[in-house]
Amino acid sequence: MPKLKAVLFDLDGTLIDSEYFHFECWNEILKTFSYEMTYADWLKGYAGFPLPVNSKNIKERYQLDVPLADLMAWRERMSMVGLETKTINLMPYALETLQFFKEEGLKLGLVTASPQFEVDLIFKRNNLAEFFDVMVTRTDVINSKPDPEGYNLCVSKLCVEKDECIAFEDTINGLRAAKAAGLICYAIQQDQTQHEKLSVADSIFLDLEEGRKKAHVSLML
């Protein structure tokens, strides 16, 4: 590939350890209907999917007697309150990875299925906005992941070629989006039981430090 010029990151589960937060929010809703899911259920069926998709699937699976629009609004209110009051930690080596690529003079992009208000709240608490040249959220696109629209838009705004980019993702949904956009994509997933279904990735790593070292090779070309 040509020399690396830009690195694109997913947010939830890749840069921030937020999957358990989202899982807890949904379980709080489900408990009002006397239902409960396990974290394994969340990771297997819902992690990496945007709110509209998860809302529809959860409503249908548990036969929730609430209009879909109301369910989505309920879930968004919980995110707003939770993200303002709870600390969501960065994934291992996330900060070091962002700092490394920034110091190397690369352009950084964010492509997330989370809405803009969630990204703003998370970045405010973790001081991440300063690293990114372009941010594409669910609010910015018509079709969220696994559609490649977000990645295509990010690459266009960064003014680079696709073969000059590497993307980092943690779920099959995100990987499909990045690969459909024609990007090299590395999966970052510490749960090795997930690796088989992530085999579409160009490489799979346990953490961002391993992925950064692999990407560093492209900088040396």
Protein backbone atom coordinates (compact mmCIF):
# COMPACT_ATOMS: atom_id res chain seq x y z
CA MET A 1 0.00 0.00 0.00
CA PRO A 2 1.11 3.64 -0.43
CA LYS A 3 2.51 5.43 2.59
CA LEU A 4 0.00 5.78 5.40
CA LYS A 5 -1.55 9.24 5.65
CA ALA A 6 -4.70 8.78 7.75
CA VAL A 7 -6.05 6.53 10.49
CA LEU A 8 -9.79 6.11 11.07
CA PHE A 9 -11.22 4.93 14.37
CA ASP A 10 -14.49 3.50 15.58
CA LEU A 11 -15.50 4.82 19.00
CA ASP A 12 -17.49 2.36 21.16
CA GLY A 13 -15.40 -0.64 22.11
CA THR A 14 -12.42 0.56 20.08
CA LEU A 15 -11.40 3.83 21.75
CA ILE A 16 -13.73 3.85 24.74
CA ASP A 17 -14.88 1.03 27.00
CA SER A 18 -18.57 1.83 26.57
CA GLU A 19 -20.20 -1.45 25.59
CA TYR A 20 -21.02 -2.36 29.18
CA PHE A 21 -22.55 1.08 29.71
CA HIS A 22 -24.86 0.56 26.72
CA PHE A 23 -25.69 -2.94 27.92
CA GLU A 24 -26.65 -1.62 31.38
CA CYS A 25 -28.86 1.08 29.87
CA TRP A 26 -30.82 -1.47 27.87
CA ASN A 27 -31.12 -3.82 30.82
CA GLU A 28 -32.54 -1.03 32.95
CA ILE A 29 -35.26 -0.57 30.34
CA LEU A 30 -35.86 -4.30 30.01
CA LYS A 31 -36.23 -4.74 33.76
CA THR A 32 -39.25 -2.42 33.73
CA PHE A 33 -40.88 -5.07 31.52
CA SER A 34 -39.57 -7.93 33.73
CA TYR A 35 -36.93 -9.00 31.19
CA GLU A 36 -33.14 -9.13 31.33
CA MET A 37 -30.36 -9.94 28.88
CA THR A 38 -26.85 -11.17 29.60
CA TYR A 39 -23.73 -9.30 28.60
CA ALA A 40 -22.88 -12.20 26.30
CA ASP A 41 -26.23 -11.65 24.56
CA TRP A 42 -25.39 -7.97 24.13
CA LEU A 43 -21.95 -8.64 22.64
CA LYS A 44 -23.26 -11.32 20.32
CA GLY A 45 -26.33 -9.58 18.97
CA TYR A 46 -26.21 -5.84 19.58
CA ALA A 47 -22.69 -4.44 20.09
CA GLY A 48 -21.65 -2.22 17.20
CA PHE A 49 -25.15 -1.62 15.86
CA PRO A 50 -26.77 1.84 15.86
CA LEU A 51 -29.61 2.71 18.20
CA PRO A 52 -32.43 2.49 15.61
CA VAL A 53 -31.42 -1.07 14.71
CA ASN A 54 -31.00 -2.21 18.30
CA SER A 55 -34.25 -0.54 19.38
CA LYS A 56 -36.21 -2.35 16.67
CA ASN A 57 -34.57 -5.71 17.35
CA ILE A 58 -34.91 -5.50 21.13
CA LYS A 59 -38.54 -4.37 20.89
CA GLU A 60 -39.33 -7.34 18.64
CA ARG A 61 -37.31 -9.91 20.57
CA TYR A 62 -38.84 -9.03 23.94
CA GLN A 63 -42.23 -7.95 22.54
CA LEU A 64 -42.06 -4.63 24.37
CA ASP A 65 -45.37 -2.84 24.53
CA VAL A 66 -44.03 0.61 23.70
CA PRO A 67 -43.92 2.53 20.39
CA LEU A 68 -40.54 2.30 18.69
CA ALA A 69 -40.06 6.08 18.65
CA ASP A 70 -40.77 6.26 22.39
CA LEU A 71 -38.34 3.40 23.06
CA MET A 72 -35.58 5.18 21.15
CA ALA A 73 -36.24 8.47 22.94
CA TRP A 74 -36.22 6.65 26.30
CA ARG A 75 -32.88 5.05 25.48
CA GLU A 76 -31.37 8.36 24.35
CA ARG A 77 -32.44 10.07 27.57
CA MET A 78 -30.69 7.36 29.54
CA SER A 79 -27.51 7.89 27.53
CA MET A 80 -27.60 11.63 28.05
CA VAL A 81 -27.97 11.31 31.82
CA GLY A 82 -25.48 8.46 32.12
CA LEU A 83 -22.77 10.03 29.98
CA GLU A 84 -23.00 13.25 31.96
CA THR A 85 -22.62 11.51 35.32
CA LYS A 86 -20.64 8.31 34.75
CA THR A 87 -17.00 7.92 33.81
CA ILE A 88 -16.44 5.83 30.72
CA ASN A 89 -12.85 4.69 30.56
CA LEU A 90 -10.65 4.64 27.49
CA MET A 91 -9.72 1.27 26.05
CA PRO A 92 -6.17 0.08 26.79
CA TYR A 93 -3.55 2.11 24.88
CA ALA A 94 -6.19 4.34 23.25
CA LEU A 95 -4.63 7.62 24.36
CA GLU A 96 -1.10 6.48 23.56
CA THR A 97 -2.21 5.33 20.10
CA LEU A 98 -3.92 8.63 19.29
CA GLN A 99 -0.91 10.59 20.53
CA PHE A 100 1.48 8.45 18.49
CA PHE A 101 -0.33 8.89 15.19
CA LYS A 102 -0.88 12.59 15.81
CA GLU A 103 2.80 13.14 16.54
CA GLU A 104 3.64 11.29 13.34
CA GLY A 105 1.67 13.92 11.43
CA LEU A 106 -1.16 11.64 10.32
CA LYS A 107 -4.73 12.79 9.84
CA LEU A 108 -7.16 11.17 12.25
CA GLY A 109 -10.83 10.47 11.61
CA LEU A 110 -13.66 9.15 13.76
CA VAL A 111 -16.45 7.07 12.24
CA THR A 112 -19.08 6.05 14.78
CA ALA A 113 -22.63 4.73 14.89
CA SER A 114 -23.23 6.86 17.99
CA PRO A 115 -25.16 10.14 17.59
CA GLN A 116 -23.43 13.51 17.81
CA PHE A 117 -24.71 14.34 21.30
CA GLU A 118 -23.19 11.16 22.74
CA VAL A 119 -19.85 11.81 21.06
CA ASP A 120 -19.82 15.37 22.39
CA LEU A 121 -20.48 14.21 25.95
CA ILE A 122 -17.85 11.45 25.79
CA PHE A 123 -15.22 13.70 24.25
CA LYS A 124 -15.90 16.42 26.79
CA ARG A 125 -15.19 14.02 29.66
CA ASN A 126 -12.17 12.39 28.00
CA ASN A 127 -10.63 15.34 26.10
CA LEU A 128 -10.48 13.41 22.81
CA ALA A 129 -11.78 16.00 20.33
CA GLU A 130 -8.36 17.64 19.95
CA PHE A 131 -6.98 14.55 18.22
CA PHE A 132 -9.44 14.37 15.33
CA ASP A 133 -9.39 16.22 12.04
CA VAL A 134 -12.78 14.82 11.00
CA MET A 135 -15.61 13.24 13.00
CA VAL A 136 -18.50 11.41 11.32
CA THR A 137 -21.34 10.33 13.62
CA ARG A 138 -24.68 8.65 13.04
CA THR A 139 -26.15 12.16 12.90
CA ASP A 140 -24.09 12.94 9.79
CA VAL A 141 -25.22 10.05 7.59
CA ILE A 142 -28.38 8.55 6.20
CA ASN A 143 -27.15 4.95 6.46
CA SER A 144 -25.12 3.91 9.49
CA LYS A 145 -22.82 0.89 9.82
CA PRO A 146 -22.61 -1.69 8.28
CA ASP A 147 -23.24 0.66 5.36
CA PRO A 148 -19.93 2.25 4.19
CA GLU A 149 -21.42 5.76 3.96
CA GLY A 150 -19.70 7.00 7.13
CA TYR A 151 -16.28 5.77 6.09
CA ASN A 152 -16.68 7.12 2.55
CA LEU A 153 -17.64 10.51 3.95
CA CYS A 154 -14.74 10.57 6.40
CA VAL A 155 -12.15 9.71 3.74
CA SER A 156 -13.57 12.38 1.45
CA LYS A 157 -13.40 15.04 4.19
CA LEU A 158 -9.84 14.04 5.09
CA CYS A 159 -8.83 14.56 1.42
CA VAL A 160 -6.85 11.32 1.22
CA GLU A 161 -7.05 8.21 -0.93
CA LYS A 162 -8.54 5.05 0.52
CA ASP A 163 -5.34 3.08 0.02
CA GLU A 164 -3.58 5.66 2.22
CA CYS A 165 -5.84 4.83 5.19
CA ILE A 166 -6.19 2.20 7.89
CA ALA A 167 -9.33 1.76 9.98
CA PHE A 168 -9.64 0.29 13.48
CA GLU A 169 -12.85 -1.51 14.49
CA ASP A 170 -13.95 -4.00 17.16
CA THR A 171 -17.18 -5.54 15.82
CA ILE A 172 -18.24 -7.36 12.67
CA ASN A 173 -20.73 -4.59 11.92
CA GLY A 174 -17.99 -1.98 11.86
CA LEU A 175 -15.62 -4.22 9.94
CA ARG A 176 -18.21 -4.74 7.23
CA ALA A 177 -18.63 -0.99 6.90
CA ALA A 178 -14.91 -0.33 6.58
CA LYS A 179 -14.31 -3.21 4.16
CA ALA A 180 -17.32 -2.20 2.05
CA ALA A 181 -15.69 1.22 1.76
CA GLY A 182 -12.57 -0.44 0.40
CA LEU A 183 -10.36 0.20 3.42
CA ILE A 184 -7.72 -1.87 5.16
CA CYS A 185 -9.27 -2.60 8.55
CA TYR A 186 -7.70 -3.96 11.72
CA ALA A 187 -9.90 -5.57 14.35
CA ILE A 188 -9.09 -4.78 17.98
CA GLN A 189 -10.76 -7.37 20.16
CA GLN A 190 -9.42 -8.71 23.45
CA ASP A 191 -12.11 -11.41 23.58
CA GLN A 192 -10.52 -14.16 21.52
CA THR A 193 -13.83 -16.05 21.25
CA GLN A 194 -14.93 -13.22 18.92
CA HIS A 195 -11.97 -13.57 16.57
CA GLU A 196 -13.44 -16.21 14.28
CA LYS A 197 -16.38 -14.03 13.27
CA LEU A 198 -14.01 -11.09 12.75
CA SER A 199 -11.96 -13.00 10.17
CA VAL A 200 -12.96 -10.50 7.47
CA ALA A 201 -10.44 -8.11 9.08
CA ASP A 202 -7.04 -7.67 7.45
CA SER A 203 -5.48 -8.39 10.86
CA ILE A 204 -6.83 -9.04 14.36
CA PHE A 205 -5.12 -7.77 17.52
CA LEU A 206 -5.81 -8.02 21.23
CA ASP A 207 -5.29 -4.31 21.86
CA LEU A 208 -4.54 -1.00 20.17
CA GLU A 209 -0.83 -1.16 20.96
CA GLU A 210 -0.47 -4.28 18.83
CA GLY A 211 -2.48 -2.64 16.05
CA ARG A 212 -0.42 0.55 16.26
CA LYS A 213 2.82 -1.39 15.87
CA LYS A 214 1.46 -3.10 12.76
CA ALA A 215 0.30 0.23 11.30
CA HIS A 216 3.70 1.73 12.08
CA VAL A 217 5.22 -0.52 9.42
CA SER A 218 3.17 1.35 6.80
CA LEU A 219 4.63 4.63 8.01
CA MET A 220 8.12 3.38 7.23
CA LEU A 221 7.41 2.66 3.55
